[in-house]
C-alpha atoms as a PDB file:
ATOM      1  CA  UNK A   1     -14.718 -19.875  -5.997  1.00  0.00           C
ATOM      2  CA  UNK A   2     -14.730 -17.241  -8.887  1.00  0.00           C
ATOM      3  CA  UNK A   3     -10.882 -16.657 -10.440  1.00  0.00           C
ATOM      4  CA  UNK A   4      -8.999 -13.156 -10.002  1.00  0.00           C
ATOM      5  CA  UNK A   5      -7.609 -12.465 -13.461  1.00  0.00           C
ATOM      6  CA  UNK A   6      -5.601  -9.866 -11.856  1.00  0.00           C
ATOM      7  CA  UNK A   7      -3.854 -11.853  -9.338  1.00  0.00           C
ATOM      8  CA  UNK A   8      -3.502 -14.468 -12.426  1.00  0.00           C
ATOM      9  CA  UNK A   9      -2.199 -11.651 -14.349  1.00  0.00           C
ATOM     10  CA  UNK A  10       0.228 -10.542 -11.851  1.00  0.00           C
ATOM     11  CA  UNK A  11       1.718 -13.840 -11.033  1.00  0.00           C
ATOM     12  CA  UNK A  12       2.235 -14.613 -14.854  1.00  0.00           C
ATOM     13  CA  UNK A  13       3.925 -11.369 -15.488  1.00  0.00           C
ATOM     14  CA  UNK A  14       6.152 -12.147 -12.145  1.00  0.00           C
ATOM     15  CA  UNK A  15       7.035 -15.604 -13.340  1.00  0.00           C
ATOM     16  CA  UNK A  16       7.719 -14.170 -17.017  1.00  0.00           C
ATOM     17  CA  UNK A  17      10.230 -11.197 -15.281  1.00  0.00           C
ATOM     18  CA  UNK A  18      11.675 -13.832 -13.024  1.00  0.00           C
ATOM     19  CA  UNK A  19      12.773 -15.714 -16.221  1.00  0.00           C
ATOM     20  CA  UNK A  20      14.250 -12.798 -18.085  1.00  0.00           C
ATOM     21  CA  UNK A  21      11.470 -12.520 -20.771  1.00  0.00           C
ATOM     22  CA  UNK A  22       9.803  -9.657 -22.220  1.00  0.00           C
ATOM     23  CA  UNK A  23       6.207  -9.623 -23.110  1.00  0.00           C
ATOM     24  CA  UNK A  24       7.182  -9.547 -27.088  1.00  0.00           C
ATOM     25  CA  UNK A  25       9.344 -12.733 -26.106  1.00  0.00           C
ATOM     26  CA  UNK A  26       6.519 -14.546 -24.484  1.00  0.00           C
ATOM     27  CA  UNK A  27       4.319 -13.480 -26.976  1.00  0.00           C
ATOM     28  CA  UNK A  28       6.127 -14.874 -29.838  1.00  0.00           C
ATOM     29  CA  UNK A  29       6.708 -17.976 -28.012  1.00  0.00           C
ATOM     30  CA  UNK A  30       2.453 -18.316 -27.537  1.00  0.00           C
ATOM     31  CA  UNK A  31       1.868 -16.998 -30.809  1.00  0.00           C
ATOM     32  CA  UNK A  32      -0.369 -14.247 -29.331  1.00  0.00           C
ATOM     33  CA  UNK A  33      -0.165 -10.432 -29.888  1.00  0.00           C
ATOM     34  CA  UNK A  34       2.168  -8.582 -27.217  1.00  0.00           C
ATOM     35  CA  UNK A  35      -1.422  -6.329 -26.669  1.00  0.00           C
ATOM     36  CA  UNK A  36      -3.117  -9.604 -25.619  1.00  0.00           C
ATOM     37  CA  UNK A  37      -0.281 -10.764 -23.257  1.00  0.00           C
ATOM     38  CA  UNK A  38      -0.175  -7.568 -21.571  1.00  0.00           C
ATOM     39  CA  UNK A  39      -4.300  -7.718 -21.265  1.00  0.00           C
ATOM     40  CA  UNK A  40      -3.648 -10.911 -19.570  1.00  0.00           C
ATOM     41  CA  UNK A  41      -0.723  -9.588 -17.439  1.00  0.00           C
ATOM     42  CA  UNK A  42      -3.265  -6.708 -16.274  1.00  0.00           C
ATOM     43  CA  UNK A  43      -6.132  -8.887 -15.688  1.00  0.00           C
ATOM     44  CA  UNK A  44      -8.359  -7.046 -18.455  1.00  0.00           C
ATOM     45  CA  UNK A  45      -8.322 -10.419 -20.447  1.00  0.00           C
ATOM     46  CA  UNK A  46      -9.374 -13.591 -19.545  1.00  0.00           C
ATOM     47  CA  UNK A  47      -6.901 -16.722 -20.190  1.00  0.00           C
ATOM     48  CA  UNK A  48      -8.405 -19.777 -21.235  1.00  0.00           C
ATOM     49  CA  UNK A  49      -7.204 -23.064 -19.788  1.00  0.00           C
ATOM     50  CA  UNK A  50      -5.736 -23.910 -23.078  1.00  0.00           C
ATOM     51  CA  UNK A  51      -3.773 -20.841 -23.124  1.00  0.00           C
ATOM     52  CA  UNK A  52      -2.863 -21.267 -19.209  1.00  0.00           C
ATOM     53  CA  UNK A  53      -1.239 -24.420 -19.724  1.00  0.00           C
ATOM     54  CA  UNK A  54       0.481 -23.400 -22.822  1.00  0.00           C
ATOM     55  CA  UNK A  55       2.222 -20.350 -20.932  1.00  0.00           C
ATOM     56  CA  UNK A  56       3.028 -22.173 -18.016  1.00  0.00           C
ATOM     57  CA  UNK A  57       4.901 -25.015 -20.327  1.00  0.00           C
ATOM     58  CA  UNK A  58       7.014 -22.192 -21.363  1.00  0.00           C
ATOM     59  CA  UNK A  59       7.702 -20.642 -18.067  1.00  0.00           C
ATOM     60  CA  UNK A  60       8.212 -24.319 -16.395  1.00  0.00           C
ATOM     61  CA  UNK A  61       5.919 -23.465 -13.622  1.00  0.00           C
ATOM     62  CA  UNK A  62       2.457 -24.990 -12.742  1.00  0.00           C
ATOM     63  CA  UNK A  63      -0.953 -23.960 -13.520  1.00  0.00           C
ATOM     64  CA  UNK A  64      -1.517 -24.449  -9.688  1.00  0.00           C
ATOM     65  CA  UNK A  65       0.996 -22.086  -8.732  1.00  0.00           C
ATOM     66  CA  UNK A  66      -0.656 -19.625 -11.066  1.00  0.00           C
ATOM     67  CA  UNK A  67      -4.140 -20.181 -10.040  1.00  0.00           C
ATOM     68  CA  UNK A  68      -4.021 -20.538  -6.376  1.00  0.00           C
ATOM     69  CA  UNK A  69      -0.419 -18.800  -5.803  1.00  0.00           C
ATOM     70  CA  UNK A  70       1.341 -21.983  -4.257  1.00  0.00           C
ATOM     71  CA  UNK A  71       3.293 -24.739  -5.071  1.00  0.00           C
ATOM     72  CA  UNK A  72       2.416 -27.363  -3.250  1.00  0.00           C
ATOM     73  CA  UNK A  73       5.421 -29.767  -3.467  1.00  0.00           C
ATOM     74  CA  UNK A  74       6.847 -28.119  -0.338  1.00  0.00           C
ATOM     75  CA  UNK A  75       5.638 -28.432   3.495  1.00  0.00           C
ATOM     76  CA  UNK A  76       5.974 -24.841   3.665  1.00  0.00           C
ATOM     77  CA  UNK A  77       3.979 -23.824   0.530  1.00  0.00           C
ATOM     78  CA  UNK A  78       1.971 -21.726   2.159  1.00  0.00           C
ATOM     79  CA  UNK A  79       4.432 -19.867   4.410  1.00  0.00           C
ATOM     80  CA  UNK A  80       4.782 -16.485   2.076  1.00  0.00           C
ATOM     81  CA  UNK A  81       1.152 -16.712   1.671  1.00  0.00           C
ATOM     82  CA  UNK A  82       0.123 -16.295   5.237  1.00  0.00           C
ATOM     83  CA  UNK A  83       3.283 -13.767   5.832  1.00  0.00           C
ATOM     84  CA  UNK A  84       1.806 -11.687   2.856  1.00  0.00           C
ATOM     85  CA  UNK A  85      -1.723 -11.820   4.288  1.00  0.00           C
ATOM     86  CA  UNK A  86      -0.681 -11.053   8.064  1.00  0.00           C
ATOM     87  CA  UNK A  87       1.208  -7.855   6.537  1.00  0.00           C
ATOM     88  CA  UNK A  88      -2.015  -6.440   4.837  1.00  0.00           C
ATOM     89  CA  UNK A  89      -4.670  -6.999   7.964  1.00  0.00           C
ATOM     90  CA  UNK A  90      -4.639  -5.035  10.987  1.00  0.00           C
ATOM     91  CA  UNK A  91      -3.205  -6.125  14.429  1.00  0.00           C
ATOM     92  CA  UNK A  92      -6.739  -7.142  15.629  1.00  0.00           C
ATOM     93  CA  UNK A  93      -7.254  -9.381  12.661  1.00  0.00           C
ATOM     94  CA  UNK A  94      -3.945 -10.933  13.205  1.00  0.00           C
ATOM     95  CA  UNK A  95      -4.835 -11.826  16.726  1.00  0.00           C
ATOM     96  CA  UNK A  96      -8.211 -13.437  15.422  1.00  0.00           C
ATOM     97  CA  UNK A  97      -6.358 -15.418  12.823  1.00  0.00           C
ATOM     98  CA  UNK A  98      -3.571 -16.573  14.937  1.00  0.00           C
ATOM     99  CA  UNK A  99      -6.724 -17.767  17.567  1.00  0.00           C
ATOM    100  CA  UNK A 100      -8.504 -19.454  14.544  1.00  0.00           C
ATOM    101  CA  UNK A 101      -5.559 -21.071  13.483  1.00  0.00           C
ATOM    102  CA  UNK A 102      -4.771 -22.387  16.897  1.00  0.00           C
ATOM    103  CA  UNK A 103      -7.912 -23.913  17.452  1.00  0.00           C
ATOM    104  CA  UNK A 104      -7.663 -25.883  14.153  1.00  0.00           C
ATOM    105  CA  UNK A 105      -4.258 -27.040  14.953  1.00  0.00           C
ATOM    106  CA  UNK A 106      -5.023 -28.357  18.176  1.00  0.00           C
ATOM    107  CA  UNK A 107      -7.793 -30.580  16.694  1.00  0.00           C
END
């Protein structure tokens, strides 16, 4: 599975803003330029695993939460992901997703 750097950038930006950090302040803590951080948040620059680990440490989040969008520390960690997914598909696709999930859960 290929990494979607646009989504990774969005998640990093969300985590940064939730902590009240500006791009300037986070870039300073990471010792990178504001332009580089901006490109990462837009998905136009790829972030290395080393930099990802660094920014996650600064923001107090896990790499997993940035890479896959969820923290699996909770039993309901996929609830918001399913909610978001279902909001963005037609009612026909919602029914199909439900039927597939129901078959899987009955095993």
